[in-house]
Amino acid sequence: MRRQKIRRKKIRKKQQYRVMKMLGVGLLTTILLTTYTKSTEIEVANAEHLSKDNIRGVTQPFPFLRDEGLVQNDLEKYSTENMKAKYIYDNIDRLPIAQKRLLANNKDTVDYIYGYLTGKRVEYREGESVELDRKYPYYIQWDRRWAYDPLGADDVAIGGCGPVVVAMLLSGELEDPSITPRTIVEIENQSGHYTPSGTAWSFFKYIANRYNMNYQEVNISREDIDKVIDDGKPIILSVKPGKFTTVGHIVLITGKDESGNYIINDPNSLGRSLKVWSYNELSTEIKGMFSLSKKTENV
C-alpha cells in the first residue's frame, strides 16, 4: 500500500510538472508573440515616420543664420546629436553653402542633406509630405521624392518654392492628387520660367492658362486679401527676405481661422505652416500676390 501511495505521488508530481511546463511554454510563447507584435508595430510606425523624412516642425532660429562662421559652428554643435548629423559635418566641405545654410536654419532638412551627400534616394509616390487635413495638400520642397530634381541651375530643395506652391494650389483646386511638385517642376523647366532669382511671376499666369484656371493679381491690402479668401480662393504670396527666408520666398495662403488670422502652406517650413499669421505680420513681407482658381460652369 505504501509503495502504491508513493508511486501515485510521483505520478502526480510528474503530471503537475508537465502541466507547469506546458503553461510555462505557453506563457513564454505569449510573451514572445506579444513582444514580436509590439516590435513589429514599432518598426511599422518608425517606417511610416521615416517615410515623412522625420519632419517634425522644429523651432528655427531668427534672425536666420547667414554668416558662414555661424553656420559652421551651428553644424559642428549639431553633429553631436545624431549619426546623420555627424556624417554631414564630417563631409561638410562637400556641401554648397546653400545646403549648409538650409540645414543650419532648419534641422528638419537633415534627411535631404544626408541624401545629398550619400546619393541615397527614395521611391517616388503621390501623397502629401505631411498631412495637415487642409483643402490644399501640404508639399515640402526638400521632400526627398523630388528634392534632388533639377530646377534651372538649382534643385527643388533650394529653389523650388514657386512650383511646389503651384502644385499645392492646383492639386487642391482641381482635386487631383496626381499633381505633385515633380509635375509642375517639369513644366517650369520646359517653359523657361525659372530664373537665377527663382520662379518668375509670369509663370503663375502661364500655368493658369495651361490648366484653364482663373487668374487674378491681388492688390496688397487686407481688404483685397480677405475678399479673395472669403470667396474660397487661395492666394500665392511672394515675399521679400525677412520672416520666411534670407533670399525671398513664395507661400500659399489657404484660408483664415476663426480670429481672422491667415493659414498658410509654407513649402520650406512645417513650423511656419502650423503657425497662424496676422495681417500685420504678413504685410511687412509681401512683394506680390496672385490668385488661381478653378473655373465654374457659369464663368
C-alpha atoms as a PDB file:
ATOM      1  CA  MET A   1       0.000   0.000   0.000  1.00  0.00           C
ATOM      2  CA  ARG A   2       2.703   2.388   0.994  1.00  0.00           C
ATOM      3  CA  ARG A   3       4.603   1.762  -2.251  1.00  0.00           C
ATOM      4  CA  GLN A   4       1.430   2.409  -4.256  1.00  0.00           C
ATOM      5  CA  LYS A   5       0.878   5.749  -2.465  1.00  0.00           C
ATOM      6  CA  ILE A   6       4.492   6.776  -3.100  1.00  0.00           C
ATOM      7  CA  ARG A   7       4.117   5.789  -6.748  1.00  0.00           C
ATOM      8  CA  ARG A   8       0.864   7.788  -7.079  1.00  0.00           C
ATOM      9  CA  LYS A   9       2.554  10.822  -5.555  1.00  0.00           C
ATOM     10  CA  LYS A  10       5.422  10.531  -8.056  1.00  0.00           C
ATOM     11  CA  ILE A  11       2.938  10.256 -10.949  1.00  0.00           C
ATOM     12  CA  ARG A  12       1.004  13.307  -9.689  1.00  0.00           C
ATOM     13  CA  LYS A  13       4.229  15.289  -9.400  1.00  0.00           C
ATOM     14  CA  LYS A  14       5.251  14.330 -12.946  1.00  0.00           C
ATOM     15  CA  GLN A  15       1.799  15.341 -14.216  1.00  0.00           C
ATOM     16  CA  GLN A  16       1.980  18.632 -12.329  1.00  0.00           C
ATOM     17  CA  TYR A  17       5.459  19.240 -13.736  1.00  0.00           C
ATOM     18  CA  ARG A  18       4.223  18.590 -17.297  1.00  0.00           C
ATOM     19  CA  VAL A  19       1.263  20.941 -16.817  1.00  0.00           C
ATOM     20  CA  MET A  20       3.504  23.644 -15.383  1.00  0.00           C
ATOM     21  CA  LYS A  21       5.969  23.118 -18.206  1.00  0.00           C
ATOM     22  CA  MET A  22       3.188  23.432 -20.758  1.00  0.00           C
ATOM     23  CA  LEU A  23       1.862  26.553 -19.049  1.00  0.00           C
ATOM     24  CA  GLY A  24       5.374  27.972 -18.943  1.00  0.00           C
ATOM     25  CA  VAL A  25       5.919  27.340 -22.641  1.00  0.00           C
ATOM     26  CA  GLY A  26       2.535  28.860 -23.407  1.00  0.00           C
ATOM     27  CA  LEU A  27       3.279  31.890 -21.290  1.00  0.00           C
ATOM     28  CA  LEU A  28       6.709  32.267 -22.869  1.00  0.00           C
ATOM     29  CA  THR A  29       5.160  31.952 -26.330  1.00  0.00           C
ATOM     30  CA  THR A  30       2.568  34.561 -25.447  1.00  0.00           C
ATOM     31  CA  ILE A  31       5.269  36.908 -24.190  1.00  0.00           C
ATOM     32  CA  LEU A  32       7.389  36.365 -27.285  1.00  0.00           C
ATOM     33  CA  LEU A  33       4.431  36.876 -29.623  1.00  0.00           C
ATOM     34  CA  THR A  34       3.381  39.997 -27.763  1.00  0.00           C
ATOM     35  CA  THR A  35       6.930  41.335 -27.850  1.00  0.00           C
ATOM     36  CA  TYR A  36       7.243  40.497 -31.559  1.00  0.00           C
ATOM     37  CA  THR A  37       3.894  42.119 -32.319  1.00  0.00           C
ATOM     38  CA  LYS A  38       4.796  45.278 -30.418  1.00  0.00           C
ATOM     39  CA  SER A  39       8.228  45.305 -32.022  1.00  0.00           C
ATOM     40  CA  THR A  40       6.664  44.945 -35.458  1.00  0.00           C
ATOM     41  CA  GLU A  41       4.191  47.730 -34.697  1.00  0.00           C
ATOM     42  CA  ILE A  42       7.061  49.975 -33.627  1.00  0.00           C
ATOM     43  CA  GLU A  43       9.029  49.116 -36.771  1.00  0.00           C
ATOM     44  CA  VAL A  44       5.986  49.910 -38.948  1.00  0.00           C
ATOM     45  CA  ALA A  45       5.421  53.173 -37.079  1.00  0.00           C
ATOM     46  CA  ASN A  46       9.083  54.060 -37.483  1.00  0.00           C
ATOM     47  CA  ALA A  47       8.944  53.204 -41.174  1.00  0.00           C
ATOM     48  CA  GLU A  48       5.920  55.471 -41.610  1.00  0.00           C
ATOM     49  CA  HIS A  49       7.685  58.222 -39.685  1.00  0.00           C
ATOM     50  CA  LEU A  50      10.847  57.854 -41.738  1.00  0.00           C
ATOM     51  CA  SER A  51       8.832  57.981 -44.942  1.00  0.00           C
ATOM     52  CA  LYS A  52       7.919  61.527 -43.900  1.00  0.00           C
ATOM     53  CA  ASP A  53      11.626  62.435 -43.741  1.00  0.00           C
ATOM     54  CA  ASN A  54      11.461  62.916 -39.952  1.00  0.00           C
ATOM     55  CA  ILE A  55       9.734  66.259 -40.447  1.00  0.00           C
ATOM     56  CA  ARG A  56       8.615  67.488 -37.026  1.00  0.00           C
ATOM     57  CA  GLY A  57       8.249  71.247 -37.389  1.00  0.00           C
ATOM     58  CA  VAL A  58      11.336  72.163 -35.376  1.00  0.00           C
ATOM     59  CA  THR A  59      11.873  75.595 -33.875  1.00  0.00           C
ATOM     60  CA  GLN A  60      14.016  77.645 -36.251  1.00  0.00           C
ATOM     61  CA  PRO A  61      16.465  80.413 -35.388  1.00  0.00           C
ATOM     62  CA  PHE A  62      15.500  84.002 -36.023  1.00  0.00           C
ATOM     63  CA  PRO A  63      17.193  86.027 -37.315  1.00  0.00           C
ATOM     64  CA  PHE A  64      18.311  83.326 -39.713  1.00  0.00           C
ATOM     65  CA  LEU A  65      21.934  82.208 -39.766  1.00  0.00           C
ATOM     66  CA  ARG A  66      23.735  83.604 -42.830  1.00  0.00           C
ATOM     67  CA  ASP A  67      27.344  84.133 -41.788  1.00  0.00           C
ATOM     68  CA  GLU A  68      29.438  81.118 -42.815  1.00  0.00           C
ATOM     69  CA  GLY A  69      31.237  81.053 -39.478  1.00  0.00           C
ATOM     70  CA  LEU A  70      27.979  80.948 -37.527  1.00  0.00           C
ATOM     71  CA  VAL A  71      26.608  78.286 -39.863  1.00  0.00           C
ATOM     72  CA  GLN A  72      29.768  76.186 -39.416  1.00  0.00           C
ATOM     73  CA  ASN A  73      29.601  76.485 -35.624  1.00  0.00           C
ATOM     74  CA  ASP A  74      25.936  75.526 -35.599  1.00  0.00           C
ATOM     75  CA  LEU A  75      26.521  72.399 -37.694  1.00  0.00           C
ATOM     76  CA  GLU A  76      29.515  71.406 -35.570  1.00  0.00           C
ATOM     77  CA  LYS A  77      27.358  71.567 -32.449  1.00  0.00           C
ATOM     78  CA  TYR A  78      24.552  69.689 -34.203  1.00  0.00           C
ATOM     79  CA  SER A  79      26.976  66.908 -35.201  1.00  0.00           C
ATOM     80  CA  THR A  80      26.976  65.589 -31.625  1.00  0.00           C
ATOM     81  CA  GLU A  81      23.223  64.926 -31.662  1.00  0.00           C
ATOM     82  CA  ASN A  82      22.887  62.012 -34.118  1.00  0.00           C
ATOM     83  CA  MET A  83      24.838  59.889 -36.584  1.00  0.00           C
ATOM     84  CA  LYS A  84      23.457  61.569 -39.697  1.00  0.00           C
ATOM     85  CA  ALA A  85      24.422  64.983 -38.385  1.00  0.00           C
ATOM     86  CA  LYS A  86      27.917  63.681 -37.598  1.00  0.00           C
ATOM     87  CA  TYR A  87      28.279  62.222 -41.106  1.00  0.00           C
ATOM     88  CA  ILE A  88      27.161  65.528 -42.597  1.00  0.00           C
ATOM     89  CA  TYR A  89      29.668  67.518 -40.551  1.00  0.00           C
ATOM     90  CA  ASP A  90      32.466  65.079 -41.372  1.00  0.00           C
ATOM     91  CA  ASN A  91      31.723  65.745 -45.052  1.00  0.00           C
ATOM     92  CA  ILE A  92      30.807  69.410 -44.752  1.00  0.00           C
ATOM     93  CA  ASP A  93      33.392  70.527 -47.309  1.00  0.00           C
ATOM     94  CA  ARG A  94      31.350  68.694 -49.957  1.00  0.00           C
ATOM     95  CA  LEU A  95      28.241  70.780 -49.252  1.00  0.00           C
ATOM     96  CA  PRO A  96      27.434  74.008 -51.133  1.00  0.00           C
ATOM     97  CA  ILE A  97      26.804  76.995 -48.886  1.00  0.00           C
ATOM     98  CA  ALA A  98      23.068  76.977 -49.739  1.00  0.00           C
ATOM     99  CA  GLN A  99      22.674  73.468 -48.316  1.00  0.00           C
ATOM    100  CA  LYS A 100      24.741  74.355 -45.243  1.00  0.00           C
ATOM    101  CA  ARG A 101      22.532  77.340 -44.507  1.00  0.00           C
ATOM    102  CA  LEU A 102      19.395  75.311 -45.125  1.00  0.00           C
ATOM    103  CA  LEU A 103      20.354  72.728 -42.500  1.00  0.00           C
ATOM    104  CA  ALA A 104      21.644  75.289 -40.007  1.00  0.00           C
ATOM    105  CA  ASN A 105      18.327  77.122 -40.171  1.00  0.00           C
ATOM    106  CA  ASN A 106      16.043  74.073 -40.308  1.00  0.00           C
ATOM    107  CA  LYS A 107      17.092  70.742 -38.802  1.00  0.00           C
ATOM    108  CA  ASP A 108      14.022  69.102 -40.392  1.00  0.00           C
ATOM    109  CA  THR A 109      16.098  69.039 -43.596  1.00  0.00           C
ATOM    110  CA  VAL A 110      18.670  66.561 -42.239  1.00  0.00           C
ATOM    111  CA  ASP A 111      17.422  63.611 -44.323  1.00  0.00           C
ATOM    112  CA  TYR A 112      17.569  65.662 -47.517  1.00  0.00           C
ATOM    113  CA  ILE A 113      21.123  66.843 -46.726  1.00  0.00           C
ATOM    114  CA  TYR A 114      22.212  63.310 -45.793  1.00  0.00           C
ATOM    115  CA  GLY A 115      20.807  62.004 -49.080  1.00  0.00           C
ATOM    116  CA  TYR A 116      22.516  64.827 -50.959  1.00  0.00           C
ATOM    117  CA  LEU A 117      25.875  63.588 -49.678  1.00  0.00           C
ATOM    118  CA  THR A 118      25.275  59.825 -49.825  1.00  0.00           C
ATOM    119  CA  GLY A 119      23.281  59.681 -53.050  1.00  0.00           C
ATOM    120  CA  LYS A 120      20.508  57.745 -51.308  1.00  0.00           C
ATOM    121  CA  ARG A 121      17.084  58.325 -52.849  1.00  0.00           C
ATOM    122  CA  VAL A 122      13.508  57.293 -52.065  1.00  0.00           C
ATOM    123  CA  GLU A 123      10.861  55.868 -54.356  1.00  0.00           C
ATOM    124  CA  TYR A 124       8.560  58.412 -55.974  1.00  0.00           C
ATOM    125  CA  ARG A 125       4.911  58.208 -54.999  1.00  0.00           C
ATOM    126  CA  GLU A 126       1.967  60.541 -54.702  1.00  0.00           C
ATOM    127  CA  GLY A 127       0.845  61.956 -51.374  1.00  0.00           C
ATOM    128  CA  GLU A 128       1.451  64.872 -49.038  1.00  0.00           C
ATOM    129  CA  SER A 129       4.759  65.499 -47.319  1.00  0.00           C
ATOM    130  CA  VAL A 130       2.821  65.947 -44.073  1.00  0.00           C
ATOM    131  CA  GLU A 131      -0.928  65.535 -43.737  1.00  0.00           C
ATOM    132  CA  LEU A 132      -2.431  68.753 -42.366  1.00  0.00           C
ATOM    133  CA  ASP A 133      -6.059  67.969 -43.258  1.00  0.00           C
ATOM    134  CA  ARG A 134      -6.456  71.046 -45.443  1.00  0.00           C
ATOM    135  CA  LYS A 135      -8.127  71.514 -48.815  1.00  0.00           C
ATOM    136  CA  TYR A 136      -4.710  72.134 -50.329  1.00  0.00           C
ATOM    137  CA  PRO A 137      -2.180  69.307 -49.827  1.00  0.00           C
ATOM    138  CA  TYR A 138       0.989  70.179 -47.990  1.00  0.00           C
ATOM    139  CA  TYR A 139       4.130  69.605 -50.039  1.00  0.00           C
ATOM    140  CA  ILE A 140       7.662  70.417 -48.870  1.00  0.00           C
ATOM    141  CA  GLN A 141      10.299  71.389 -51.399  1.00  0.00           C
ATOM    142  CA  TRP A 142      13.016  69.293 -49.721  1.00  0.00           C
ATOM    143  CA  ASP A 143      10.813  66.177 -49.599  1.00  0.00           C
ATOM    144  CA  ARG A 144      13.256  63.590 -50.973  1.00  0.00           C
ATOM    145  CA  ARG A 145      10.780  62.348 -53.601  1.00  0.00           C
ATOM    146  CA  TRP A 146      11.539  65.465 -55.679  1.00  0.00           C
ATOM    147  CA  ALA A 147      14.097  67.477 -53.657  1.00  0.00           C
ATOM    148  CA  TYR A 148      17.019  66.480 -55.883  1.00  0.00           C
ATOM    149  CA  ASP A 149      15.201  67.116 -59.180  1.00  0.00           C
ATOM    150  CA  PRO A 150      16.905  69.878 -61.181  1.00  0.00           C
ATOM    151  CA  LEU A 151      15.220  73.258 -61.408  1.00  0.00           C
ATOM    152  CA  GLY A 152      17.223  75.570 -63.614  1.00  0.00           C
ATOM    153  CA  ALA A 153      20.736  75.563 -62.154  1.00  0.00           C
ATOM    154  CA  ASP A 154      19.422  74.648 -58.684  1.00  0.00           C
ATOM    155  CA  ASP A 155      17.489  71.722 -57.270  1.00  0.00           C
ATOM    156  CA  VAL A 156      13.903  71.782 -55.975  1.00  0.00           C
ATOM    157  CA  ALA A 157      15.009  71.772 -52.341  1.00  0.00           C
ATOM    158  CA  ILE A 158      16.851  75.063 -52.773  1.00  0.00           C
ATOM    159  CA  GLY A 159      14.854  76.926 -55.423  1.00  0.00           C
ATOM    160  CA  GLY A 160      11.533  75.126 -55.692  1.00  0.00           C
ATOM    161  CA  CYS A 161       9.160  77.158 -53.530  1.00  0.00           C
ATOM    162  CA  GLY A 162       7.324  78.506 -56.620  1.00  0.00           C
ATOM    163  CA  PRO A 163       6.456  75.250 -58.374  1.00  0.00           C
ATOM    164  CA  VAL A 164       5.774  73.499 -55.058  1.00  0.00           C
ATOM    165  CA  VAL A 165       3.236  76.182 -54.099  1.00  0.00           C
ATOM    166  CA  VAL A 166       1.639  75.925 -57.549  1.00  0.00           C
ATOM    167  CA  ALA A 167       1.403  72.133 -57.143  1.00  0.00           C
ATOM    168  CA  MET A 168      -0.385  72.540 -53.799  1.00  0.00           C
ATOM    169  CA  LEU A 169      -2.805  75.055 -55.276  1.00  0.00           C
ATOM    170  CA  LEU A 170      -3.645  73.111 -58.443  1.00  0.00           C
ATOM    171  CA  SER A 171      -3.932  69.765 -56.673  1.00  0.00           C
ATOM    172  CA  GLY A 172      -6.383  71.249 -54.160  1.00  0.00           C
ATOM    173  CA  GLU A 173      -8.430  73.354 -56.579  1.00  0.00           C
ATOM    174  CA  LEU A 174      -8.734  70.593 -59.178  1.00  0.00           C
ATOM    175  CA  GLU A 175      -8.954  67.801 -56.580  1.00  0.00           C
ATOM    176  CA  ASP A 176      -6.211  65.959 -58.415  1.00  0.00           C
ATOM    177  CA  PRO A 177      -3.599  64.221 -56.203  1.00  0.00           C
ATOM    178  CA  SER A 178      -1.548  63.318 -59.272  1.00  0.00           C
ATOM    179  CA  ILE A 179      -0.416  66.960 -59.468  1.00  0.00           C
ATOM    180  CA  THR A 180       2.740  66.984 -57.362  1.00  0.00           C
ATOM    181  CA  PRO A 181       5.808  69.240 -57.283  1.00  0.00           C
ATOM    182  CA  ARG A 182       7.532  66.964 -59.795  1.00  0.00           C
ATOM    183  CA  THR A 183       4.687  67.608 -62.275  1.00  0.00           C
ATOM    184  CA  ILE A 184       4.985  71.392 -62.032  1.00  0.00           C
ATOM    185  CA  VAL A 185       8.782  71.457 -61.903  1.00  0.00           C
ATOM    186  CA  GLU A 186       8.910  69.673 -65.263  1.00  0.00           C
ATOM    187  CA  ILE A 187       6.539  72.282 -66.744  1.00  0.00           C
ATOM    188  CA  GLU A 188       8.507  75.196 -65.296  1.00  0.00           C
ATOM    189  CA  ASN A 189      11.789  73.829 -66.630  1.00  0.00           C
ATOM    190  CA  GLN A 190      10.304  73.257 -70.077  1.00  0.00           C
ATOM    191  CA  SER A 191       8.663  76.692 -70.239  1.00  0.00           C
ATOM    192  CA  GLY A 192      11.753  78.590 -69.108  1.00  0.00           C
ATOM    193  CA  HIS A 193      10.111  80.430 -66.214  1.00  0.00           C
ATOM    194  CA  TYR A 194      12.856  79.688 -63.693  1.00  0.00           C
ATOM    195  CA  THR A 195      15.443  82.463 -63.313  1.00  0.00           C
ATOM    196  CA  PRO A 196      18.578  82.947 -61.180  1.00  0.00           C
ATOM    197  CA  SER A 197      16.272  84.786 -58.740  1.00  0.00           C
ATOM    198  CA  GLY A 198      13.749  81.937 -58.628  1.00  0.00           C
ATOM    199  CA  THR A 199      10.349  81.423 -60.246  1.00  0.00           C
ATOM    200  CA  ALA A 200       9.281  84.335 -62.455  1.00  0.00           C
ATOM    201  CA  TRP A 201       5.886  85.788 -61.544  1.00  0.00           C
ATOM    202  CA  SER A 202       4.862  85.309 -65.185  1.00  0.00           C
ATOM    203  CA  PHE A 203       4.773  81.566 -64.512  1.00  0.00           C
ATOM    204  CA  PHE A 204       1.591  81.937 -62.459  1.00  0.00           C
ATOM    205  CA  LYS A 205      -0.379  83.312 -65.412  1.00  0.00           C
ATOM    206  CA  TYR A 206       1.223  80.770 -67.735  1.00  0.00           C
ATOM    207  CA  ILE A 207       0.257  77.815 -65.544  1.00  0.00           C
ATOM    208  CA  ALA A 208      -3.266  79.217 -65.031  1.00  0.00           C
ATOM    209  CA  ASN A 209      -3.783  79.277 -68.802  1.00  0.00           C
ATOM    210  CA  ARG A 210      -2.296  75.815 -69.183  1.00  0.00           C
ATOM    211  CA  TYR A 211      -4.728  74.341 -66.641  1.00  0.00           C
ATOM    212  CA  ASN A 212      -7.658  76.541 -67.746  1.00  0.00           C
ATOM    213  CA  MET A 213      -7.843  78.332 -64.404  1.00  0.00           C
ATOM    214  CA  ASN A 214      -8.983  81.815 -63.400  1.00  0.00           C
ATOM    215  CA  TYR A 215      -6.039  84.164 -62.855  1.00  0.00           C
ATOM    216  CA  GLN A 216      -6.039  87.323 -60.765  1.00  0.00           C
ATOM    217  CA  GLU A 217      -3.392  89.707 -59.454  1.00  0.00           C
ATOM    218  CA  VAL A 218      -4.336  90.751 -55.920  1.00  0.00           C
ATOM    219  CA  ASN A 219      -3.707  94.232 -54.513  1.00  0.00           C
ATOM    220  CA  ILE A 220      -1.630  94.410 -51.354  1.00  0.00           C
ATOM    221  CA  SER A 221      -4.245  95.254 -48.738  1.00  0.00           C
ATOM    222  CA  ARG A 222      -6.089  93.400 -46.035  1.00  0.00           C
ATOM    223  CA  GLU A 223      -9.426  94.125 -47.705  1.00  0.00           C
ATOM    224  CA  ASP A 224      -8.324  92.618 -51.015  1.00  0.00           C
ATOM    225  CA  ILE A 225      -6.824  89.535 -49.361  1.00  0.00           C
ATOM    226  CA  ASP A 226      -9.984  88.938 -47.340  1.00  0.00           C
ATOM    227  CA  LYS A 227     -12.191  89.377 -50.402  1.00  0.00           C
ATOM    228  CA  VAL A 228     -10.339  86.615 -52.253  1.00  0.00           C
ATOM    229  CA  ILE A 229     -10.031  84.272 -49.262  1.00  0.00           C
ATOM    230  CA  ASP A 230     -13.673  84.778 -48.197  1.00  0.00           C
ATOM    231  CA  ASP A 231     -14.641  83.823 -51.747  1.00  0.00           C
ATOM    232  CA  GLY A 232     -12.971  80.457 -51.157  1.00  0.00           C
ATOM    233  CA  LYS A 233      -9.931  81.106 -53.334  1.00  0.00           C
ATOM    234  CA  PRO A 234      -6.254  80.668 -52.405  1.00  0.00           C
ATOM    235  CA  ILE A 235      -3.528  83.319 -52.782  1.00  0.00           C
ATOM    236  CA  ILE A 236       0.053  82.834 -53.898  1.00  0.00           C
ATOM    237  CA  LEU A 237       2.165  85.167 -51.791  1.00  0.00           C
ATOM    238  CA  SER A 238       5.612  86.303 -52.947  1.00  0.00           C
ATOM    239  CA  VAL A 239       7.615  87.669 -50.016  1.00  0.00           C
ATOM    240  CA  LYS A 240      10.899  89.528 -49.605  1.00  0.00           C
ATOM    241  CA  PRO A 241      13.807  88.358 -47.401  1.00  0.00           C
ATOM    242  CA  GLY A 242      12.718  88.561 -43.779  1.00  0.00           C
ATOM    243  CA  LYS A 243      10.458  86.353 -41.686  1.00  0.00           C
ATOM    244  CA  PHE A 244      10.354  83.452 -44.130  1.00  0.00           C
ATOM    245  CA  THR A 245      13.826  83.157 -45.674  1.00  0.00           C
ATOM    246  CA  THR A 246      17.017  85.120 -46.271  1.00  0.00           C
ATOM    247  CA  VAL A 247      16.543  85.361 -50.057  1.00  0.00           C
ATOM    248  CA  GLY A 248      12.812  85.805 -50.710  1.00  0.00           C
ATOM    249  CA  HIS A 249      10.182  83.110 -50.864  1.00  0.00           C
ATOM    250  CA  ILE A 250       6.745  82.007 -52.085  1.00  0.00           C
ATOM    251  CA  VAL A 251       3.971  80.618 -49.853  1.00  0.00           C
ATOM    252  CA  LEU A 252       0.278  79.830 -50.210  1.00  0.00           C
ATOM    253  CA  ILE A 253      -2.499  81.448 -48.158  1.00  0.00           C
ATOM    254  CA  THR A 254      -5.118  78.708 -47.874  1.00  0.00           C
ATOM    255  CA  GLY A 255      -7.713  80.333 -45.609  1.00  0.00           C
ATOM    256  CA  LYS A 256      -8.415  82.066 -42.298  1.00  0.00           C
ATOM    257  CA  ASP A 257      -9.086  80.887 -38.761  1.00  0.00           C
ATOM    258  CA  GLU A 258     -11.971  82.000 -36.541  1.00  0.00           C
ATOM    259  CA  SER A 259      -9.980  85.032 -35.373  1.00  0.00           C
ATOM    260  CA  GLY A 260      -9.323  86.245 -38.900  1.00  0.00           C
ATOM    261  CA  ASN A 261      -5.671  85.181 -38.928  1.00  0.00           C
ATOM    262  CA  TYR A 262      -4.280  83.618 -42.080  1.00  0.00           C
ATOM    263  CA  ILE A 263      -3.422  79.956 -42.575  1.00  0.00           C
ATOM    264  CA  ILE A 264      -0.528  79.312 -44.903  1.00  0.00           C
ATOM    265  CA  ASN A 265       1.259  76.396 -46.534  1.00  0.00           C
ATOM    266  CA  ASP A 266       4.951  77.229 -46.449  1.00  0.00           C
ATOM    267  CA  PRO A 267       6.830  74.726 -48.661  1.00  0.00           C
ATOM    268  CA  ASN A 268      10.044  75.365 -46.738  1.00  0.00           C
ATOM    269  CA  SER A 269       8.832  75.067 -43.145  1.00  0.00           C
ATOM    270  CA  LEU A 270       6.302  72.892 -41.375  1.00  0.00           C
ATOM    271  CA  GLY A 271       6.685  75.073 -38.272  1.00  0.00           C
ATOM    272  CA  ARG A 272       5.640  78.230 -40.113  1.00  0.00           C
ATOM    273  CA  SER A 273       2.769  76.300 -41.728  1.00  0.00           C
ATOM    274  CA  LEU A 274       1.397  75.325 -38.319  1.00  0.00           C
ATOM    275  CA  LYS A 275       1.507  78.939 -37.110  1.00  0.00           C
ATOM    276  CA  VAL A 276      -1.345  81.354 -37.934  1.00  0.00           C
ATOM    277  CA  TRP A 277      -0.360  84.762 -39.273  1.00  0.00           C
ATOM    278  CA  SER A 278      -1.936  88.159 -38.644  1.00  0.00           C
ATOM    279  CA  TYR A 279      -2.134  90.693 -41.451  1.00  0.00           C
ATOM    280  CA  ASN A 280       0.341  92.915 -39.607  1.00  0.00           C
ATOM    281  CA  GLU A 281       2.886  90.071 -39.562  1.00  0.00           C
ATOM    282  CA  LEU A 282       2.472  89.388 -43.282  1.00  0.00           C
ATOM    283  CA  SER A 283       2.122  92.951 -44.544  1.00  0.00           C
ATOM    284  CA  THR A 284       5.795  93.793 -43.972  1.00  0.00           C
ATOM    285  CA  GLU A 285       6.870  90.823 -46.099  1.00  0.00           C
ATOM    286  CA  ILE A 286       4.631  90.994 -49.195  1.00  0.00           C
ATOM    287  CA  LYS A 287       6.053  91.746 -52.644  1.00  0.00           C
ATOM    288  CA  GLY A 288       3.235  90.426 -54.835  1.00  0.00           C
ATOM    289  CA  MET A 289       0.033  88.342 -54.677  1.00  0.00           C
ATOM    290  CA  PHE A 290      -1.710  86.162 -57.230  1.00  0.00           C
ATOM    291  CA  SER A 291      -4.816  84.004 -57.140  1.00  0.00           C
ATOM    292  CA  LEU A 292      -5.531  80.971 -59.329  1.00  0.00           C
ATOM    293  CA  SER A 293      -8.899  79.271 -59.002  1.00  0.00           C
ATOM    294  CA  LYS A 294     -10.994  76.646 -60.741  1.00  0.00           C
ATOM    295  CA  LYS A 295     -13.390  77.962 -63.345  1.00  0.00           C
ATOM    296  CA  THR A 296     -17.047  77.337 -62.643  1.00  0.00           C
ATOM    297  CA  GLU A 297     -19.584  76.378 -65.305  1.00  0.00           C
ATOM    298  CA  ASN A 298     -21.136  79.851 -65.421  1.00  0.00           C
ATOM    299  CA  VAL A 299     -17.807  81.652 -65.884  1.00  0.00           C
END
